[in-house]
Amino acid sequence: MLVRHMLVVAMISSVFLACEDEPPPPPKPPQILSAEIACEEDSGSDYPLVGEVSVRISDEDRDLLQSSLRATLNGLLIGLRDDDGDEVYTFTPGSEWNPPMICKGEFTLLVWATDLAGNQAKETLVVAKP
């Protein structure tokens, strides 16, 4: 009887030892994928103006810190937001852009993003508008 109990305890112990917790997969940093600039016509200008800037950022872990997101457009700091959770962060120039930016030529976007694990992504994106 004692031997039987010892065998049962040994079997249960071996099962628990074999079922060690696997370490979680390493976190995946955010990826800054692409950018677009939409132009809009303005009756007060001979040229189209920058209407909206959008940047696609993939974040598989869904832990991107909105407060860590930084971006510049041709050296001007812009605030990107993703209000609908579709991983497309947008900026629409307001009246503070005086004079407005003409939507012609080459635009350089620098984008920085950090997630909860501290993984950082930095990307330079170039958008050309004819």
C-alpha atoms as a PDB file:
ATOM      1  CA  MET A   1       0.000   0.000   0.000  1.00  0.00           C
ATOM      2  CA  LEU A   2       2.800   2.398   0.908  1.00  0.00           C
ATOM      3  CA  VAL A   3       4.626   1.586  -2.306  1.00  0.00           C
ATOM      4  CA  ARG A   4       1.471   2.273  -4.285  1.00  0.00           C
ATOM      5  CA  HIS A   5       1.079   5.714  -2.625  1.00  0.00           C
ATOM      6  CA  MET A   6       4.710   6.530  -3.326  1.00  0.00           C
ATOM      7  CA  LEU A   7       4.264   5.595  -6.982  1.00  0.00           C
ATOM      8  CA  VAL A   8       1.179   7.808  -7.270  1.00  0.00           C
ATOM      9  CA  VAL A   9       3.033  10.749  -5.667  1.00  0.00           C
ATOM     10  CA  ALA A  10       6.016  10.187  -7.974  1.00  0.00           C
ATOM     11  CA  MET A  11       3.768  10.113 -11.060  1.00  0.00           C
ATOM     12  CA  ILE A  12       1.944  13.278 -10.042  1.00  0.00           C
ATOM     13  CA  SER A  13       5.255  15.029  -9.336  1.00  0.00           C
ATOM     14  CA  SER A  14       6.660  14.048 -12.720  1.00  0.00           C
ATOM     15  CA  VAL A  15       3.543  15.396 -14.448  1.00  0.00           C
ATOM     16  CA  PHE A  16       3.908  18.773 -12.704  1.00  0.00           C
ATOM     17  CA  LEU A  17       7.631  18.938 -13.455  1.00  0.00           C
ATOM     18  CA  ALA A  18       6.987  18.192 -17.131  1.00  0.00           C
ATOM     19  CA  CYS A  19       4.371  20.963 -17.350  1.00  0.00           C
ATOM     20  CA  GLU A  20       6.656  23.913 -16.693  1.00  0.00           C
ATOM     21  CA  ASP A  21       5.336  27.248 -17.792  1.00  0.00           C
ATOM     22  CA  GLU A  22       6.685  28.231 -21.156  1.00  0.00           C
ATOM     23  CA  PRO A  23       8.064  31.748 -21.270  1.00  0.00           C
ATOM     24  CA  PRO A  24       5.803  34.200 -23.052  1.00  0.00           C
ATOM     25  CA  PRO A  25       6.770  35.087 -26.610  1.00  0.00           C
ATOM     26  CA  PRO A  26       8.917  38.198 -26.896  1.00  0.00           C
ATOM     27  CA  PRO A  27       6.931  41.379 -27.448  1.00  0.00           C
ATOM     28  CA  LYS A  28       6.727  42.630 -30.996  1.00  0.00           C
ATOM     29  CA  PRO A  29       7.634  46.280 -31.483  1.00  0.00           C
ATOM     30  CA  PRO A  30       5.326  48.571 -33.416  1.00  0.00           C
ATOM     31  CA  GLN A  31       6.026  48.843 -37.146  1.00  0.00           C
ATOM     32  CA  ILE A  32       5.673  52.130 -38.999  1.00  0.00           C
ATOM     33  CA  LEU A  33       4.523  50.992 -42.428  1.00  0.00           C
ATOM     34  CA  SER A  34       3.434  53.779 -44.767  1.00  0.00           C
ATOM     35  CA  ALA A  35       2.257  57.364 -45.074  1.00  0.00           C
ATOM     36  CA  GLU A  36      -0.133  59.277 -47.303  1.00  0.00           C
ATOM     37  CA  ILE A  37      -0.876  62.943 -47.754  1.00  0.00           C
ATOM     38  CA  ALA A  38      -4.273  64.014 -49.042  1.00  0.00           C
ATOM     39  CA  CYS A  39      -4.531  67.363 -50.825  1.00  0.00           C
ATOM     40  CA  GLU A  40      -7.551  69.634 -50.850  1.00  0.00           C
ATOM     41  CA  GLU A  41      -8.483  72.514 -53.085  1.00  0.00           C
ATOM     42  CA  ASP A  42      -8.774  75.951 -51.511  1.00  0.00           C
ATOM     43  CA  SER A  43     -10.533  78.834 -53.216  1.00  0.00           C
ATOM     44  CA  GLY A  44      -8.068  81.294 -51.678  1.00  0.00           C
ATOM     45  CA  SER A  45      -5.005  79.577 -53.142  1.00  0.00           C
ATOM     46  CA  ASP A  46      -3.715  78.806 -56.621  1.00  0.00           C
ATOM     47  CA  TYR A  47      -2.353  75.471 -55.365  1.00  0.00           C
ATOM     48  CA  PRO A  48      -3.889  72.557 -53.463  1.00  0.00           C
ATOM     49  CA  LEU A  49      -3.123  72.536 -49.736  1.00  0.00           C
ATOM     50  CA  VAL A  50      -2.214  69.706 -47.366  1.00  0.00           C
ATOM     51  CA  GLY A  51      -5.580  68.441 -46.132  1.00  0.00           C
ATOM     52  CA  GLU A  52      -4.681  65.332 -44.111  1.00  0.00           C
ATOM     53  CA  VAL A  53      -1.571  63.348 -43.213  1.00  0.00           C
ATOM     54  CA  SER A  54      -2.057  59.653 -42.409  1.00  0.00           C
ATOM     55  CA  VAL A  55       0.464  57.094 -41.158  1.00  0.00           C
ATOM     56  CA  ARG A  56      -0.188  53.349 -40.894  1.00  0.00           C
ATOM     57  CA  ILE A  57       1.402  51.801 -37.784  1.00  0.00           C
ATOM     58  CA  SER A  58       1.048  48.064 -37.154  1.00  0.00           C
ATOM     59  CA  ASP A  59       1.057  46.981 -33.514  1.00  0.00           C
ATOM     60  CA  GLU A  60       0.369  43.250 -33.136  1.00  0.00           C
ATOM     61  CA  ASP A  61       0.476  43.411 -29.340  1.00  0.00           C
ATOM     62  CA  ARG A  62      -1.984  46.358 -29.329  1.00  0.00           C
ATOM     63  CA  ASP A  63       0.043  48.132 -26.651  1.00  0.00           C
ATOM     64  CA  LEU A  64       1.265  51.226 -28.486  1.00  0.00           C
ATOM     65  CA  LEU A  65       1.425  54.220 -26.166  1.00  0.00           C
ATOM     66  CA  GLN A  66      -0.469  57.071 -27.813  1.00  0.00           C
ATOM     67  CA  SER A  67       1.488  59.518 -25.650  1.00  0.00           C
ATOM     68  CA  SER A  68       4.779  58.216 -27.099  1.00  0.00           C
ATOM     69  CA  LEU A  69       3.795  58.846 -30.697  1.00  0.00           C
ATOM     70  CA  ARG A  70       5.802  61.706 -32.217  1.00  0.00           C
ATOM     71  CA  ALA A  71       5.924  62.902 -35.807  1.00  0.00           C
ATOM     72  CA  THR A  72       7.260  65.763 -37.874  1.00  0.00           C
ATOM     73  CA  LEU A  73       6.291  66.813 -41.385  1.00  0.00           C
ATOM     74  CA  ASN A  74       9.149  68.658 -43.105  1.00  0.00           C
ATOM     75  CA  GLY A  75      10.441  69.571 -39.643  1.00  0.00           C
ATOM     76  CA  LEU A  76       7.095  70.769 -38.227  1.00  0.00           C
ATOM     77  CA  LEU A  77       5.803  68.828 -35.213  1.00  0.00           C
ATOM     78  CA  ILE A  78       2.402  67.257 -35.909  1.00  0.00           C
ATOM     79  CA  GLY A  79       0.054  65.357 -33.605  1.00  0.00           C
ATOM     80  CA  LEU A  80      -1.115  61.990 -34.940  1.00  0.00           C
ATOM     81  CA  ARG A  81      -4.301  60.390 -33.569  1.00  0.00           C
ATOM     82  CA  ASP A  82      -6.147  57.118 -34.147  1.00  0.00           C
ATOM     83  CA  ASP A  83      -9.667  57.773 -32.932  1.00  0.00           C
ATOM     84  CA  ASP A  84     -11.240  54.650 -34.464  1.00  0.00           C
ATOM     85  CA  GLY A  85      -8.586  52.004 -33.628  1.00  0.00           C
ATOM     86  CA  ASP A  86      -7.842  51.054 -37.245  1.00  0.00           C
ATOM     87  CA  GLU A  87      -4.048  51.579 -36.861  1.00  0.00           C
ATOM     88  CA  VAL A  88      -4.136  54.570 -39.218  1.00  0.00           C
ATOM     89  CA  TYR A  89      -2.978  57.666 -37.352  1.00  0.00           C
ATOM     90  CA  THR A  90      -4.030  60.971 -38.868  1.00  0.00           C
ATOM     91  CA  PHE A  91      -3.317  64.684 -38.615  1.00  0.00           C
ATOM     92  CA  THR A  92      -5.496  67.409 -40.095  1.00  0.00           C
ATOM     93  CA  PRO A  93      -3.924  70.877 -40.217  1.00  0.00           C
ATOM     94  CA  GLY A  94      -5.962  73.531 -38.471  1.00  0.00           C
ATOM     95  CA  SER A  95      -5.898  77.285 -38.484  1.00  0.00           C
ATOM     96  CA  GLU A  96      -2.599  77.219 -36.566  1.00  0.00           C
ATOM     97  CA  TRP A  97      -0.895  76.385 -39.868  1.00  0.00           C
ATOM     98  CA  ASN A  98      -0.645  79.922 -41.092  1.00  0.00           C
ATOM     99  CA  PRO A  99       0.361  80.128 -43.874  1.00  0.00           C
ATOM    100  CA  PRO A 100      -0.990  76.714 -44.938  1.00  0.00           C
ATOM    101  CA  MET A 101       1.356  74.157 -46.522  1.00  0.00           C
ATOM    102  CA  ILE A 102       1.108  73.768 -50.301  1.00  0.00           C
ATOM    103  CA  CYS A 103       0.528  70.142 -51.287  1.00  0.00           C
ATOM    104  CA  LYS A 104       3.255  69.911 -53.906  1.00  0.00           C
ATOM    105  CA  GLY A 105       6.744  68.426 -53.953  1.00  0.00           C
ATOM    106  CA  GLU A 106       8.432  66.001 -51.601  1.00  0.00           C
ATOM    107  CA  PHE A 107       7.382  65.640 -47.958  1.00  0.00           C
ATOM    108  CA  THR A 108       9.491  63.978 -45.273  1.00  0.00           C
ATOM    109  CA  LEU A 109       7.777  62.432 -42.272  1.00  0.00           C
ATOM    110  CA  LEU A 110       9.768  61.323 -39.235  1.00  0.00           C
ATOM    111  CA  VAL A 111       7.716  59.082 -36.959  1.00  0.00           C
ATOM    112  CA  TRP A 112       8.620  57.648 -33.524  1.00  0.00           C
ATOM    113  CA  ALA A 113       6.487  55.186 -31.530  1.00  0.00           C
ATOM    114  CA  THR A 114       6.989  53.211 -28.292  1.00  0.00           C
ATOM    115  CA  ASP A 115       4.939  50.372 -26.809  1.00  0.00           C
ATOM    116  CA  LEU A 116       4.345  49.339 -23.185  1.00  0.00           C
ATOM    117  CA  ALA A 117       7.363  47.014 -23.187  1.00  0.00           C
ATOM    118  CA  GLY A 118       9.632  49.913 -24.194  1.00  0.00           C
ATOM    119  CA  ASN A 119      10.133  48.718 -27.768  1.00  0.00           C
ATOM    120  CA  GLN A 120      10.737  51.684 -30.017  1.00  0.00           C
ATOM    121  CA  ALA A 121      10.219  52.192 -33.707  1.00  0.00           C
ATOM    122  CA  LYS A 122      11.546  55.115 -35.739  1.00  0.00           C
ATOM    123  CA  GLU A 123      11.000  55.543 -39.427  1.00  0.00           C
ATOM    124  CA  THR A 124      11.580  58.195 -42.096  1.00  0.00           C
ATOM    125  CA  LEU A 125       8.876  58.167 -44.769  1.00  0.00           C
ATOM    126  CA  VAL A 126       8.968  60.222 -47.963  1.00  0.00           C
ATOM    127  CA  VAL A 127       5.784  61.136 -49.830  1.00  0.00           C
ATOM    128  CA  ALA A 128       5.978  62.843 -53.225  1.00  0.00           C
ATOM    129  CA  LYS A 129       3.102  64.935 -54.530  1.00  0.00           C
ATOM    130  CA  PRO A 130       3.226  66.120 -58.188  1.00  0.00           C
END
